């Protein structure tokens, strides 16, 4: 099933990076809390690019798996 997208993520305000992200400008994602359609996620290096919007039912287990280390690269 395809997740909805936002074609220009810069049209939304309040993006935040993970507290685990450094200031080196590497490969980071940003998320936006409180969006009515779900959890928008964008590439921090391309703030005017698209954002994927994940449903909370899928986002929450994903974040849990990242935190507990159960995902492999």
Protein backbone atom coordinates (compact mmCIF):
# COMPACT_ATOMS: atom_id res chain seq x y z
CA UNK A 1 0.00 0.00 0.00
CA UNK A 2 1.39 3.41 -0.93
CA UNK A 3 1.76 6.07 1.71
CA UNK A 4 0.52 9.56 0.87
CA UNK A 5 3.10 12.21 0.01
CA UNK A 6 3.48 15.96 0.34
CA UNK A 7 5.17 17.28 -2.81
CA UNK A 8 6.86 20.31 -1.19
CA UNK A 9 7.66 19.65 2.45
CA UNK A 10 8.78 23.24 3.04
CA UNK A 11 5.12 24.26 2.98
CA UNK A 12 4.81 22.81 6.49
CA UNK A 13 6.42 24.29 9.60
CA UNK A 14 7.69 22.69 12.80
CA UNK A 15 10.03 19.99 11.44
CA UNK A 16 12.43 18.39 13.92
CA UNK A 17 15.43 16.10 13.70
CA UNK A 18 16.09 13.16 15.95
CA UNK A 19 18.02 13.94 19.10
CA UNK A 20 20.45 11.27 17.85
CA UNK A 21 21.31 13.38 14.79
CA UNK A 22 24.54 15.32 14.93
CA UNK A 23 25.30 18.73 13.48
CA UNK A 24 27.56 17.35 10.76
CA UNK A 25 24.83 17.55 8.11
CA UNK A 26 24.87 13.85 7.30
CA UNK A 27 21.99 11.57 6.40
CA UNK A 28 19.18 12.74 8.66
CA UNK A 29 15.45 12.65 8.48
CA UNK A 30 13.06 15.13 10.00
CA UNK A 31 9.54 14.51 11.20
CA UNK A 32 6.57 16.75 11.85
CA UNK A 33 4.41 16.16 14.90
CA UNK A 34 0.69 16.80 14.95
CA UNK A 35 -0.10 16.50 11.24
CA UNK A 36 -3.73 15.35 10.76
CA UNK A 37 -2.87 12.74 8.08
CA UNK A 38 -0.14 10.98 10.07
CA UNK A 39 3.63 11.44 10.49
CA UNK A 40 5.33 13.33 7.66
CA UNK A 41 9.01 12.39 7.15
CA UNK A 42 11.48 14.26 4.92
CA UNK A 43 15.17 14.22 4.04
CA UNK A 44 16.84 17.05 5.98
CA UNK A 45 19.18 17.72 3.04
CA UNK A 46 16.18 18.43 0.76
CA UNK A 47 13.73 20.52 2.80
CA UNK A 48 11.80 21.63 -0.29
CA UNK A 49 11.53 18.09 -1.59
CA UNK A 50 8.77 15.60 -0.92
CA UNK A 51 7.75 14.11 2.40
CA UNK A 52 6.20 10.71 2.97
CA UNK A 53 3.28 10.62 5.39
CA UNK A 54 3.18 7.45 7.48
CA UNK A 55 0.11 6.28 9.33
CA UNK A 56 0.63 6.21 13.11
CA UNK A 57 -0.23 2.49 13.16
CA UNK A 58 2.91 1.82 11.10
CA UNK A 59 5.14 4.60 12.45
CA UNK A 60 4.93 3.66 16.12
CA UNK A 61 6.12 0.03 15.67
CA UNK A 62 8.90 1.26 13.35
CA UNK A 63 10.22 3.73 15.95
CA UNK A 64 10.02 1.04 18.64
CA UNK A 65 12.03 -1.37 16.46
CA UNK A 66 14.69 1.28 15.79
CA UNK A 67 15.02 2.09 19.48
CA UNK A 68 15.31 -1.53 20.60
CA UNK A 69 17.76 -2.43 17.81
CA UNK A 70 15.64 -5.13 16.20
CA UNK A 71 16.13 -3.75 12.66
CA UNK A 72 19.15 -4.78 10.63
CA UNK A 73 20.81 -2.64 7.98
